[in-house]
C-alpha atoms as a PDB file:
ATOM      1  CA  MET A   1      18.277  -7.627  -5.973  1.00  0.00           C
ATOM      2  CA  ASN A   2      16.606  -4.498  -5.339  1.00  0.00           C
ATOM      3  CA  LYS A   3      17.992  -1.836  -2.760  1.00  0.00           C
ATOM      4  CA  PRO A   4      15.676  -1.106   0.250  1.00  0.00           C
ATOM      5  CA  TRP A   5      12.988   1.596  -0.227  1.00  0.00           C
ATOM      6  CA  SER A   6      14.106   4.902   1.323  1.00  0.00           C
ATOM      7  CA  ASP A   7      11.836   6.897   3.448  1.00  0.00           C
ATOM      8  CA  GLU A   8      11.524   9.558   0.648  1.00  0.00           C
ATOM      9  CA  GLU A   9      10.544   6.975  -1.886  1.00  0.00           C
ATOM     10  CA  GLN A  10       7.958   5.520   0.322  1.00  0.00           C
ATOM     11  CA  SER A  11       6.493   8.988   0.791  1.00  0.00           C
ATOM     12  CA  ARG A  12       6.447   9.702  -2.959  1.00  0.00           C
ATOM     13  CA  LEU A  13       4.865   6.408  -3.540  1.00  0.00           C
ATOM     14  CA  GLN A  14       1.975   7.238  -0.986  1.00  0.00           C
ATOM     15  CA  GLU A  15       1.587  10.669  -2.663  1.00  0.00           C
ATOM     16  CA  GLY A  16       1.529   9.111  -6.199  1.00  0.00           C
ATOM     17  CA  VAL A  17      -1.095   6.628  -4.780  1.00  0.00           C
ATOM     18  CA  ARG A  18      -3.320   9.312  -3.406  1.00  0.00           C
ATOM     19  CA  LEU A  19      -2.937  11.481  -6.760  1.00  0.00           C
ATOM     20  CA  PHE A  20      -4.254   8.675  -8.914  1.00  0.00           C
ATOM     21  CA  ILE A  21      -6.726   6.597  -6.673  1.00  0.00           C
ATOM     22  CA  GLY A  22      -9.777   8.840  -7.192  1.00  0.00           C
ATOM     23  CA  GLU A  23      -9.941   7.671 -10.849  1.00  0.00           C
ATOM     24  CA  SER A  24     -12.183   4.794 -10.137  1.00  0.00           C
ATOM     25  CA  ARG A  25     -15.185   4.592  -7.796  1.00  0.00           C
ATOM     26  CA  HIS A  26     -14.536   1.377  -5.700  1.00  0.00           C
ATOM     27  CA  LEU A  27     -11.683   0.927  -3.529  1.00  0.00           C
ATOM     28  CA  LEU A  28     -10.862  -2.524  -4.960  1.00  0.00           C
ATOM     29  CA  GLU A  29     -11.188  -1.489  -8.332  1.00  0.00           C
ATOM     30  CA  SER A  30      -8.920   1.484  -7.766  1.00  0.00           C
ATOM     31  CA  PHE A  31      -6.135  -0.691  -6.548  1.00  0.00           C
ATOM     32  CA  GLN A  32      -6.513  -2.710  -9.452  1.00  0.00           C
ATOM     33  CA  SER A  33      -6.723  -0.043 -12.045  1.00  0.00           C
ATOM     34  CA  LEU A  34      -4.303   2.422 -10.628  1.00  0.00           C
ATOM     35  CA  PRO A  35      -1.967   3.808 -13.497  1.00  0.00           C
ATOM     36  CA  TRP A  36       1.118   2.312 -12.020  1.00  0.00           C
ATOM     37  CA  THR A  37       3.416   3.977 -14.701  1.00  0.00           C
ATOM     38  CA  LYS A  38       2.224   7.295 -13.647  1.00  0.00           C
ATOM     39  CA  VAL A  39       2.946   6.378  -9.938  1.00  0.00           C
ATOM     40  CA  SER A  40       6.294   5.204 -10.652  1.00  0.00           C
ATOM     41  CA  ASP A  41       6.959   8.369 -12.646  1.00  0.00           C
ATOM     42  CA  HIS A  42       5.947  10.349  -9.445  1.00  0.00           C
ATOM     43  CA  VAL A  43       8.245   8.063  -7.189  1.00  0.00           C
ATOM     44  CA  GLY A  44      11.092   8.727  -9.771  1.00  0.00           C
ATOM     45  CA  THR A  45      13.323   5.984  -8.825  1.00  0.00           C
ATOM     46  CA  ARG A  46      11.390   2.662  -9.092  1.00  0.00           C
ATOM     47  CA  THR A  47       9.643   0.748 -11.953  1.00  0.00           C
ATOM     48  CA  TRP A  48       5.948   0.549 -11.992  1.00  0.00           C
ATOM     49  CA  GLY A  49       6.225  -3.229 -11.054  1.00  0.00           C
ATOM     50  CA  GLN A  50       8.282  -2.308  -7.981  1.00  0.00           C
ATOM     51  CA  CYS A  51       5.750   0.377  -7.056  1.00  0.00           C
ATOM     52  CA  ARG A  52       2.707  -1.861  -7.373  1.00  0.00           C
ATOM     53  CA  MET A  53       4.404  -4.675  -5.329  1.00  0.00           C
ATOM     54  CA  LYS A  54       5.518  -2.240  -2.531  1.00  0.00           C
ATOM     55  CA  TRP A  55       2.033  -1.001  -2.290  1.00  0.00           C
ATOM     56  CA  PHE A  56       0.335  -4.303  -2.135  1.00  0.00           C
ATOM     57  CA  VAL A  57       2.786  -5.748   0.514  1.00  0.00           C
ATOM     58  CA  SER A  58       2.222  -2.565   2.483  1.00  0.00           C
ATOM     59  CA  VAL A  59      -1.629  -2.777   2.275  1.00  0.00           C
ATOM     60  CA  LEU A  60      -1.477  -6.426   3.056  1.00  0.00           C
ATOM     61  CA  PHE A  61       0.607  -5.777   6.064  1.00  0.00           C
ATOM     62  CA  ALA A  62      -1.542  -2.940   7.314  1.00  0.00           C
ATOM     63  CA  PHE A  63      -4.672  -5.440   7.034  1.00  0.00           C
ATOM     64  CA  TRP A  64      -2.645  -8.368   8.928  1.00  0.00           C
ATOM     65  CA  TYR A  65      -1.592  -5.650  11.514  1.00  0.00           C
ATOM     66  CA  VAL A  66      -5.322  -4.630  12.114  1.00  0.00           C
ATOM     67  CA  PHE A  67      -6.622  -7.974  12.186  1.00  0.00           C
ATOM     68  CA  LYS A  68      -4.090  -9.196  14.649  1.00  0.00           C
ATOM     69  CA  ARG A  69      -4.619  -6.273  16.893  1.00  0.00           C
ATOM     70  CA  SER A  70      -8.540  -6.887  16.620  1.00  0.00           C
ATOM     71  CA  PHE A  71      -8.160 -10.485  17.143  1.00  0.00           C
ATOM     72  CA  ASN A  72      -5.928 -10.315  20.213  1.00  0.00           C
ATOM     73  CA  SER A  73      -8.364  -7.997  21.710  1.00  0.00           C
ATOM     74  CA  LEU A  74     -11.033 -10.185  21.271  1.00  0.00           C
ATOM     75  CA  LEU A  75      -9.255 -13.039  22.673  1.00  0.00           C
ATOM     76  CA  GLU A  76      -8.609 -10.968  25.787  1.00  0.00           C
ATOM     77  CA  VAL A  77     -12.226 -10.122  26.145  1.00  0.00           C
ATOM     78  CA  ILE A  78     -13.080 -13.932  26.132  1.00  0.00           C
ATOM     79  CA  ASN A  79     -10.518 -14.905  28.500  1.00  0.00           C
ATOM     80  CA  CYS A  80     -11.649 -12.422  31.115  1.00  0.00           C
END
């Protein structure tokens, strides 16, 4: 079992993704083609697979959070 990600590791993951995301023209293409081994080297304490999984889970959670807030706001407007 993997140990939880520290705040420092998460920060380095975000930095690493930002460093290498510009290598592609499209957002979806960027996520799929990120050089995860380079991101992992930047993090320093995690494998490329751990970095990739952590990033995708974080992105999915962010989308879910935004969708949930938008949906709840829409329901409030409808119910007024």
